[in-house]
N, C-alpha and C. Protein backbone atom coordinates (compact mmCIF):
# COMPACT_ATOMS: atom_id res chain seq x y z
N MET A 1 35.87 9.81 14.01
CA MET A 1 36.32 10.60 13.16
C MET A 1 35.23 11.77 12.53
N VAL A 2 35.83 12.76 11.92
CA VAL A 2 34.84 13.92 11.68
C VAL A 2 35.36 13.90 9.99
N ILE A 3 34.00 14.32 9.40
CA ILE A 3 34.31 14.62 7.93
C ILE A 3 34.22 16.06 8.10
N GLY A 4 35.05 16.67 7.74
CA GLY A 4 35.24 18.31 7.97
C GLY A 4 34.18 19.21 7.00
N ARG A 5 33.92 20.05 7.65
CA ARG A 5 33.07 21.49 6.68
C ARG A 5 33.84 21.46 5.38
N ASN A 6 32.95 21.53 4.59
CA ASN A 6 33.47 21.96 3.00
C ASN A 6 34.39 20.88 2.55
N GLN A 7 34.31 19.54 3.06
CA GLN A 7 34.85 18.65 2.74
C GLN A 7 33.98 17.96 1.29
N LYS A 8 34.62 17.49 0.18
CA LYS A 8 33.76 17.13 -0.90
C LYS A 8 33.36 15.69 -0.62
N LEU A 9 31.78 15.52 -1.00
CA LEU A 9 31.32 14.26 -0.80
C LEU A 9 30.68 13.73 -2.15
N LEU A 10 30.51 12.64 -2.40
CA LEU A 10 29.54 12.00 -3.44
C LEU A 10 28.13 11.75 -2.77
N LEU A 11 27.33 12.20 -3.20
CA LEU A 11 26.04 11.90 -2.89
C LEU A 11 25.25 11.04 -4.00
N LEU A 12 24.90 9.82 -3.72
CA LEU A 12 24.17 9.06 -4.41
C LEU A 12 22.85 8.26 -4.01
N ARG A 13 21.89 8.37 -4.99
CA ARG A 13 20.70 8.02 -4.35
C ARG A 13 20.56 6.44 -5.02
N TYR A 14 20.00 5.68 -4.25
CA TYR A 14 20.01 4.15 -4.35
C TYR A 14 18.62 3.70 -4.60
N ASN A 15 18.50 2.73 -5.20
CA ASN A 15 17.07 2.00 -5.41
C ASN A 15 17.13 0.64 -4.94
N GLU A 16 16.10 0.11 -4.09
CA GLU A 16 16.20 -1.35 -4.13
C GLU A 16 15.92 -2.19 -5.11
N TYR A 17 16.07 -3.48 -5.00
CA TYR A 17 16.03 -4.39 -6.01
C TYR A 17 14.94 -5.69 -5.51
N ARG A 18 13.63 -5.76 -5.94
CA ARG A 18 12.90 -6.72 -5.26
C ARG A 18 12.80 -6.80 -4.10
N LYS A 19 12.90 -8.09 -3.68
CA LYS A 19 12.93 -8.30 -1.97
C LYS A 19 14.29 -7.72 -1.21
N TYR A 20 15.22 -7.38 -1.82
CA TYR A 20 16.47 -7.04 -1.27
C TYR A 20 16.42 -5.92 -0.67
N ASP A 21 17.17 -5.71 0.90
CA ASP A 21 17.27 -4.37 1.09
C ASP A 21 18.92 -4.14 0.86
N PHE A 22 18.89 -2.93 0.21
CA PHE A 22 20.20 -2.72 -0.53
C PHE A 22 21.30 -2.50 0.78
N MET A 23 21.07 -1.55 1.73
CA MET A 23 21.86 -1.48 2.72
C MET A 23 22.35 -2.60 3.63
N LYS A 24 21.14 -3.60 3.93
CA LYS A 24 21.47 -4.57 4.66
C LYS A 24 22.14 -5.73 4.10
N GLU A 25 22.01 -5.71 2.63
CA GLU A 25 22.77 -6.96 2.04
C GLU A 25 24.25 -6.56 2.04
N HIS A 26 24.46 -5.33 1.59
CA HIS A 26 25.80 -4.80 1.59
C HIS A 26 26.49 -4.71 3.14
N GLY A 27 25.90 -4.41 3.76
CA GLY A 27 26.15 -4.18 5.38
C GLY A 27 26.73 -5.61 6.00
N GLU A 28 25.81 -6.72 5.39
CA GLU A 28 26.12 -7.96 6.03
C GLU A 28 27.66 -8.29 5.46
N ILE A 29 28.00 -8.14 4.35
CA ILE A 29 29.09 -8.44 3.76
C ILE A 29 30.23 -7.87 4.14
N LEU A 30 29.92 -6.61 4.35
CA LEU A 30 31.00 -5.40 4.77
C LEU A 30 31.39 -6.05 6.20
N LYS A 31 30.61 -6.33 7.24
CA LYS A 31 30.74 -7.15 8.49
C LYS A 31 31.65 -8.37 8.46
N LYS A 32 31.26 -9.02 7.49
CA LYS A 32 31.96 -10.39 7.38
C LYS A 32 33.25 -10.44 6.83
N ASN A 33 33.35 -9.38 5.98
CA ASN A 33 34.87 -9.18 5.10
C ASN A 33 35.43 -8.27 5.07
N GLY A 34 35.09 -7.03 6.08
CA GLY A 34 35.82 -6.05 6.26
C GLY A 34 35.80 -4.94 4.93
N CYS A 35 34.90 -5.26 3.99
CA CYS A 35 34.79 -4.13 2.98
C CYS A 35 33.60 -4.99 1.98
N VAL A 36 32.85 -4.28 1.21
CA VAL A 36 32.17 -4.54 0.15
C VAL A 36 32.41 -3.95 -1.11
N TRP A 37 31.96 -4.64 -2.24
CA TRP A 37 31.98 -3.90 -3.41
C TRP A 37 30.43 -3.41 -3.79
N LEU A 38 30.45 -2.20 -4.11
CA LEU A 38 29.18 -1.59 -4.64
C LEU A 38 29.08 -1.21 -5.87
N LEU A 39 28.09 -1.46 -6.55
CA LEU A 39 28.10 -1.26 -8.03
C LEU A 39 27.22 -0.12 -8.20
N LYS A 40 27.66 0.88 -8.87
CA LYS A 40 26.73 2.09 -9.50
C LYS A 40 26.71 1.87 -10.69
N VAL A 41 25.13 1.34 -11.27
CA VAL A 41 25.09 0.90 -12.57
C VAL A 41 24.91 2.16 -13.55
N GLY A 42 24.87 2.01 -14.89
CA GLY A 42 24.79 3.32 -15.69
C GLY A 42 25.97 3.46 -16.09
N LYS A 43 25.85 4.99 -16.60
CA LYS A 43 26.97 5.69 -16.91
C LYS A 43 28.03 5.57 -15.63
N PRO A 44 29.19 5.21 -16.21
CA PRO A 44 30.19 5.44 -14.98
C PRO A 44 30.69 6.73 -14.56
N LEU A 45 30.93 6.80 -13.31
CA LEU A 45 31.26 8.24 -12.85
C LEU A 45 32.80 8.64 -13.52
N PRO A 46 32.90 9.92 -13.56
CA PRO A 46 33.85 10.18 -14.26
C PRO A 46 35.37 10.01 -13.16
N GLU A 47 36.50 9.49 -13.81
CA GLU A 47 37.63 9.34 -12.93
C GLU A 47 38.09 10.79 -12.53
N LYS A 48 37.84 11.78 -12.89
CA LYS A 48 38.47 12.96 -12.50
C LYS A 48 37.71 13.34 -11.29
N SER A 49 36.26 13.19 -11.45
CA SER A 49 35.34 13.58 -10.02
C SER A 49 35.89 12.47 -8.97
N MET A 50 35.70 11.48 -9.39
CA MET A 50 36.08 10.30 -8.34
C MET A 50 37.71 10.51 -7.67
N ASP A 51 38.32 10.80 -8.46
CA ASP A 51 39.83 11.13 -7.84
C ASP A 51 39.46 12.36 -6.78
N SER A 52 38.87 13.15 -7.30
CA SER A 52 38.73 14.43 -6.32
C SER A 52 38.05 14.04 -5.06
N ILE A 53 36.98 13.17 -5.18
CA ILE A 53 36.41 12.67 -3.86
C ILE A 53 37.16 11.92 -2.97
N MET A 54 38.07 11.11 -3.75
CA MET A 54 38.90 10.00 -2.90
C MET A 54 40.10 11.08 -2.23
N GLU A 55 40.70 12.10 -2.85
CA GLU A 55 41.67 12.79 -2.56
C GLU A 55 41.22 13.59 -1.34
N SER A 56 39.60 13.87 -0.96
CA SER A 56 39.03 14.69 -0.09
C SER A 56 38.50 13.65 0.88
N GLY A 57 39.01 12.71 0.88
CA GLY A 57 38.72 11.45 2.04
C GLY A 57 37.89 10.28 1.60
N GLY A 58 37.17 10.23 0.57
CA GLY A 58 36.51 8.96 -0.18
C GLY A 58 35.13 8.87 0.65
N TRP A 59 34.63 10.15 0.90
CA TRP A 59 33.37 9.86 1.58
C TRP A 59 32.11 9.81 0.79
N ILE A 60 31.17 8.99 0.91
CA ILE A 60 29.85 8.99 0.09
C ILE A 60 28.86 9.01 0.95
N VAL A 61 27.67 10.02 0.71
CA VAL A 61 26.15 9.82 1.41
C VAL A 61 25.49 9.09 0.39
N PHE A 62 24.50 8.17 1.08
CA PHE A 62 23.56 7.67 0.50
C PHE A 62 22.02 8.04 0.62
N ARG A 63 21.20 8.18 -0.46
CA ARG A 63 19.86 8.66 -0.07
C ARG A 63 18.98 7.45 -0.65
N GLY A 64 18.16 6.75 0.63
CA GLY A 64 17.44 5.77 0.07
C GLY A 64 16.17 6.04 -0.71
N PRO A 65 15.34 5.35 -1.21
CA PRO A 65 14.12 5.43 -1.68
C PRO A 65 12.98 6.09 -0.64
N LYS A 66 12.23 6.97 -1.14
CA LYS A 66 11.37 7.82 -0.60
C LYS A 66 10.40 6.82 0.10
N ALA A 67 9.98 5.99 -0.65
CA ALA A 67 8.90 4.77 -0.30
C ALA A 67 9.55 3.97 0.86
N ARG A 68 10.96 3.87 1.03
CA ARG A 68 11.40 3.21 2.30
C ARG A 68 11.92 4.17 3.38
N GLY A 69 11.39 5.52 3.15
CA GLY A 69 11.84 6.35 4.18
C GLY A 69 12.80 7.37 3.90
N GLY A 70 13.35 7.07 2.62
CA GLY A 70 14.44 8.13 2.36
C GLY A 70 15.73 8.23 3.33
N LYS A 71 15.95 7.21 3.95
CA LYS A 71 17.08 7.19 4.73
C LYS A 71 18.07 7.59 4.20
N PHE A 72 19.16 8.23 5.00
CA PHE A 72 20.69 8.78 4.98
C PHE A 72 21.64 7.75 5.06
N TYR A 73 22.50 7.21 4.63
CA TYR A 73 23.88 6.65 4.90
C TYR A 73 25.11 7.31 4.65
N ILE A 74 26.01 7.07 5.49
CA ILE A 74 27.38 7.74 5.26
C ILE A 74 28.31 6.45 5.04
N ALA A 75 29.06 6.57 4.00
CA ALA A 75 30.03 5.55 3.88
C ALA A 75 31.28 5.85 3.52
N HIS A 76 32.68 5.14 3.75
CA HIS A 76 33.87 5.42 3.22
C HIS A 76 34.35 4.57 2.25
N CYS A 77 34.64 5.14 1.04
CA CYS A 77 34.88 4.31 -0.10
C CYS A 77 36.50 4.36 -0.04
N ARG A 78 37.11 3.14 -0.03
CA ARG A 78 38.90 3.02 0.06
C ARG A 78 39.45 2.96 -1.23
N GLU A 79 38.43 2.49 -2.37
CA GLU A 79 39.15 2.33 -3.67
C GLU A 79 37.97 2.50 -4.73
N TYR A 80 38.15 2.64 -6.00
CA TYR A 80 37.19 2.38 -7.07
C TYR A 80 37.60 2.28 -8.46
N PHE A 81 37.06 1.63 -9.40
CA PHE A 81 37.47 1.58 -10.73
C PHE A 81 36.08 1.35 -11.35
N ASN A 82 36.02 1.62 -12.67
CA ASN A 82 35.27 1.44 -13.76
C ASN A 82 35.46 0.33 -14.68
N GLY A 83 34.71 -0.43 -14.50
CA GLY A 83 34.87 -1.72 -15.58
C GLY A 83 33.78 -2.99 -14.84
N LEU A 84 34.05 -3.93 -15.09
CA LEU A 84 33.61 -5.27 -14.83
C LEU A 84 34.20 -5.93 -13.40
N PRO A 85 33.46 -6.63 -12.59
CA PRO A 85 33.94 -7.12 -11.37
C PRO A 85 35.10 -8.29 -11.57
N ASN A 86 35.91 -8.69 -10.84
CA ASN A 86 36.63 -9.77 -10.82
C ASN A 86 36.31 -10.70 -9.68
N GLU A 87 36.79 -12.08 -9.85
CA GLU A 87 36.05 -13.08 -9.07
C GLU A 87 36.53 -13.06 -7.48
N LYS A 88 37.59 -12.04 -7.04
CA LYS A 88 38.04 -11.85 -5.74
C LYS A 88 36.90 -10.82 -5.05
N MET A 89 36.29 -9.94 -5.87
CA MET A 89 35.31 -9.12 -5.08
C MET A 89 34.04 -9.74 -4.34
N LYS A 90 33.67 -9.25 -3.41
CA LYS A 90 32.65 -9.34 -2.47
C LYS A 90 31.52 -8.40 -2.67
N TYR A 91 30.56 -8.90 -3.09
CA TYR A 91 29.48 -8.18 -3.46
C TYR A 91 28.01 -8.96 -3.29
N PRO A 92 26.87 -8.44 -3.25
CA PRO A 92 25.55 -8.84 -2.90
C PRO A 92 25.48 -10.04 -4.18
N GLN A 93 25.24 -11.25 -3.74
CA GLN A 93 24.57 -12.21 -4.82
C GLN A 93 23.49 -11.63 -5.82
N TYR A 94 22.69 -10.94 -5.34
CA TYR A 94 21.57 -10.48 -6.30
C TYR A 94 21.88 -9.77 -7.27
N TYR A 95 23.30 -9.24 -7.32
CA TYR A 95 23.57 -8.59 -8.59
C TYR A 95 23.47 -9.43 -9.60
N GLU A 96 23.74 -10.61 -9.48
CA GLU A 96 23.71 -11.42 -10.94
C GLU A 96 22.40 -11.93 -11.21
N GLU A 97 21.47 -11.72 -10.23
CA GLU A 97 20.00 -11.85 -10.61
C GLU A 97 19.56 -10.80 -11.42
N MET A 98 20.24 -9.69 -11.34
CA MET A 98 19.36 -8.61 -12.02
C MET A 98 19.80 -8.63 -13.44
N ILE A 99 21.00 -9.37 -13.81
CA ILE A 99 21.30 -9.44 -15.35
C ILE A 99 20.39 -10.21 -16.06
N ASP A 100 19.98 -11.35 -15.61
CA ASP A 100 18.95 -12.20 -16.32
C ASP A 100 17.26 -11.59 -16.02
N ASP A 101 17.37 -10.70 -15.30
CA ASP A 101 15.96 -10.14 -14.94
C ASP A 101 15.26 -9.07 -16.08
N GLU A 102 14.41 -9.60 -16.62
CA GLU A 102 13.81 -8.80 -18.15
C GLU A 102 13.24 -7.45 -17.50
N ASP A 103 12.97 -7.30 -16.19
CA ASP A 103 12.41 -5.94 -15.76
C ASP A 103 13.45 -5.02 -15.41
N THR A 104 14.75 -5.30 -15.37
CA THR A 104 15.59 -4.67 -15.17
C THR A 104 16.40 -4.49 -16.31
N TRP A 105 15.86 -3.61 -17.48
CA TRP A 105 16.27 -3.92 -18.82
C TRP A 105 17.72 -2.78 -18.68
N PHE A 106 17.98 -2.12 -18.04
CA PHE A 106 19.05 -1.25 -17.98
C PHE A 106 20.22 -1.90 -17.36
N VAL A 107 20.20 -3.33 -16.94
CA VAL A 107 21.34 -3.97 -16.39
C VAL A 107 21.53 -5.15 -17.40
N ASP A 108 22.52 -4.87 -18.29
CA ASP A 108 22.93 -6.05 -19.25
C ASP A 108 24.13 -6.82 -18.71
N ASP A 109 25.02 -6.02 -17.94
CA ASP A 109 25.94 -6.91 -17.05
C ASP A 109 26.45 -5.97 -16.24
N LEU A 110 27.40 -6.46 -15.38
CA LEU A 110 27.81 -5.60 -14.11
C LEU A 110 28.90 -4.67 -14.43
N HIS A 111 28.84 -4.03 -15.80
CA HIS A 111 29.69 -2.77 -15.80
C HIS A 111 29.31 -1.70 -15.42
N GLY A 112 30.11 -0.90 -14.63
CA GLY A 112 29.90 0.21 -14.01
C GLY A 112 31.04 0.74 -13.31
N THR A 113 30.81 1.74 -12.25
CA THR A 113 31.56 2.14 -11.20
C THR A 113 31.60 1.22 -10.06
N TRP A 114 32.58 0.93 -9.71
CA TRP A 114 32.56 -0.34 -8.37
C TRP A 114 33.28 0.57 -7.17
N LEU A 115 32.72 0.67 -6.15
CA LEU A 115 33.05 1.38 -5.10
C LEU A 115 33.49 0.25 -3.80
N CYS A 116 34.65 0.50 -3.29
CA CYS A 116 35.01 -0.71 -2.24
C CYS A 116 34.55 0.11 -0.80
N ILE A 117 33.63 -0.35 -0.26
CA ILE A 117 33.12 0.61 0.93
C ILE A 117 33.77 -0.44 2.06
N ASP A 118 34.44 0.33 3.05
CA ASP A 118 34.81 -0.29 4.45
C ASP A 118 34.45 0.38 5.58
N TYR A 119 33.13 1.22 5.61
CA TYR A 119 32.49 1.93 6.44
C TYR A 119 31.13 2.19 5.97
N LEU A 120 30.14 1.87 6.47
CA LEU A 120 28.35 2.17 6.31
C LEU A 120 27.82 2.31 7.52
N ALA A 121 27.12 3.43 7.61
CA ALA A 121 26.43 3.42 8.85
C ALA A 121 24.97 4.51 8.45
N GLU A 122 24.26 4.23 8.99
CA GLU A 122 22.84 5.10 8.85
C GLU A 122 23.14 6.51 9.44
N LYS A 123 22.55 7.47 8.85
CA LYS A 123 22.76 8.75 9.56
C LYS A 123 21.29 9.41 9.23
N THR A 124 21.20 10.24 10.41
CA THR A 124 19.62 10.75 10.54
C THR A 124 19.48 11.68 9.12
N SER A 125 18.47 11.99 9.06
CA SER A 125 18.09 13.16 7.98
C SER A 125 18.39 14.12 8.12
N GLU A 126 18.83 14.53 9.08
CA GLU A 126 19.60 16.00 9.75
C GLU A 126 20.54 16.38 8.81
N ILE A 127 21.33 15.43 8.52
CA ILE A 127 22.71 15.67 7.81
C ILE A 127 22.04 16.38 6.26
N SER A 128 20.70 16.17 5.86
CA SER A 128 20.39 16.52 4.73
C SER A 128 20.39 17.85 4.68
N LYS A 129 20.03 18.43 5.77
CA LYS A 129 19.81 19.82 5.79
C LYS A 129 21.43 20.70 5.69
N HIS A 130 22.48 20.11 5.68
CA HIS A 130 23.68 20.34 5.56
C HIS A 130 24.53 20.20 4.53
N LEU A 131 23.86 19.55 3.44
CA LEU A 131 24.49 19.35 2.46
C LEU A 131 24.24 20.14 0.98
N PHE A 132 25.16 20.59 0.45
CA PHE A 132 24.74 21.83 -0.55
C PHE A 132 25.80 21.08 -1.92
N LEU A 133 25.37 21.66 -3.06
CA LEU A 133 25.94 21.03 -4.26
C LEU A 133 27.09 22.06 -4.44
N LEU A 134 28.28 21.37 -4.93
CA LEU A 134 29.60 22.03 -5.20
C LEU A 134 29.39 23.04 -6.15
N SER A 135 28.50 22.65 -7.34
CA SER A 135 28.65 23.45 -8.37
C SER A 135 27.92 24.70 -8.19
N ASN A 136 26.83 24.89 -7.56
CA ASN A 136 26.10 26.43 -7.40
C ASN A 136 25.59 26.25 -5.86
N GLN A 137 26.11 25.77 -4.91
CA GLN A 137 25.60 25.74 -3.41
C GLN A 137 24.19 25.72 -3.27
N LYS A 138 23.42 24.95 -4.19
CA LYS A 138 21.99 25.01 -3.82
C LYS A 138 21.75 23.78 -3.01
N SER A 139 20.78 23.77 -1.93
CA SER A 139 20.58 22.98 -0.96
C SER A 139 20.42 21.27 -1.73
N ALA A 140 21.35 20.43 -1.34
CA ALA A 140 21.20 19.13 -1.76
C ALA A 140 19.75 18.45 -1.85
N ILE A 141 18.94 18.71 -0.61
CA ILE A 141 17.79 18.10 -0.39
C ILE A 141 16.85 18.55 -1.40
N ASP A 142 16.89 19.85 -1.75
CA ASP A 142 15.91 20.61 -2.35
C ASP A 142 15.95 20.21 -3.96
N VAL A 143 17.17 19.97 -4.24
CA VAL A 143 17.65 19.58 -5.58
C VAL A 143 17.21 17.88 -5.79
N LEU A 144 17.52 17.00 -4.79
CA LEU A 144 16.96 15.81 -4.63
C LEU A 144 15.49 15.64 -4.90
N ASN A 145 14.74 16.53 -4.37
CA ASN A 145 13.29 16.56 -4.41
C ASN A 145 12.78 16.88 -5.56
N VAL A 146 13.41 17.36 -6.76
CA VAL A 146 12.90 18.05 -7.86
C VAL A 146 13.80 17.42 -9.16
N THR A 147 14.91 16.31 -8.84
CA THR A 147 15.45 15.94 -10.14
C THR A 147 15.62 14.47 -9.82
N ARG A 148 15.75 13.70 -11.05
CA ARG A 148 15.90 12.39 -10.92
C ARG A 148 17.25 11.83 -10.89
N SER A 149 18.25 12.72 -10.94
CA SER A 149 19.61 12.35 -10.94
C SER A 149 20.01 11.68 -9.88
N SER A 150 21.06 10.78 -9.80
CA SER A 150 21.20 9.68 -8.95
C SER A 150 22.66 10.28 -8.35
N VAL A 151 23.37 11.25 -8.99
CA VAL A 151 24.40 11.38 -8.51
C VAL A 151 24.73 13.02 -8.28
N MET A 152 25.26 13.33 -7.26
CA MET A 152 25.85 14.79 -7.07
C MET A 152 26.80 14.77 -6.25
N TYR A 153 27.63 15.98 -6.44
CA TYR A 153 28.94 16.29 -5.77
C TYR A 153 28.62 17.41 -4.91
N VAL A 154 28.67 17.06 -3.61
CA VAL A 154 28.30 18.12 -2.31
C VAL A 154 29.47 18.32 -1.53
N PHE A 155 28.94 19.21 -0.76
CA PHE A 155 29.90 19.51 0.65
C PHE A 155 28.75 19.71 1.95
N SER A 156 29.49 19.74 3.02
CA SER A 156 28.58 19.97 4.22
C SER A 156 29.12 21.33 4.84
N ASP A 157 28.03 22.12 5.31
CA ASP A 157 28.47 23.36 5.95
C ASP A 157 28.62 23.06 7.19
N VAL A 158 28.71 21.85 8.01
CA VAL A 158 29.20 21.52 9.27
C VAL A 158 29.94 20.52 9.23
N ASP A 159 30.63 20.18 10.33
CA ASP A 159 31.54 19.01 10.50
C ASP A 159 30.41 17.82 10.70
N VAL A 160 30.93 16.58 10.38
CA VAL A 160 29.96 15.56 10.43
C VAL A 160 30.70 14.38 10.99
N GLN A 161 30.23 13.99 12.25
CA GLN A 161 30.78 12.99 13.22
C GLN A 161 30.36 11.69 12.62
N VAL A 162 31.45 10.74 12.36
CA VAL A 162 31.30 9.36 11.96
C VAL A 162 32.03 8.47 12.97
N GLY A 163 31.54 7.17 13.13
CA GLY A 163 32.13 6.18 14.12
C GLY A 163 32.99 5.48 13.34
N PHE A 164 33.67 6.03 12.20
CA PHE A 164 34.58 5.06 11.66
C PHE A 164 35.91 4.52 12.40
N GLY A 165 35.83 2.95 12.24
CA GLY A 165 37.03 2.62 13.30
C GLY A 165 36.54 1.80 14.56
N LYS A 166 35.33 2.27 14.91
CA LYS A 166 34.76 1.95 16.23
C LYS A 166 33.53 1.02 15.77
N GLU A 167 32.82 0.94 14.80
CA GLU A 167 31.65 0.30 14.30
C GLU A 167 32.15 -0.89 13.49
């Protein structure tokens, strides 16, 4: 499958929690269940913006922490919602640990934007050279290097090959 040039994507920067590898934990649940719910903590993503991303294909680019190599991943989101999880949702168990951890003062509960991911694969950092902000066409990698923002709305100036449906 190809993510087309100029298609809207969501770019999210993520952090690791304690000893857990964010992508590995989510990837294992995805392989076992065909999808995994991922929580974007903090201020919920605006529904208007998320609806636009979903209408454009539901693609998300994740950027890992610099301390862990700053890897990039591509994911497909088949649905989302803002709120608290329900008992049927599959997500990493460590989410529950974060609530009681006094070091994660920013997580009082599991309220936020939940993304149902049905495809997740590492991409080379080469993809970062082709991502630009929708708002002003600045290079996303340049902006990532100077901002603390964890959310950006971007497009790629080239087609991006993904193995969706094969992996």
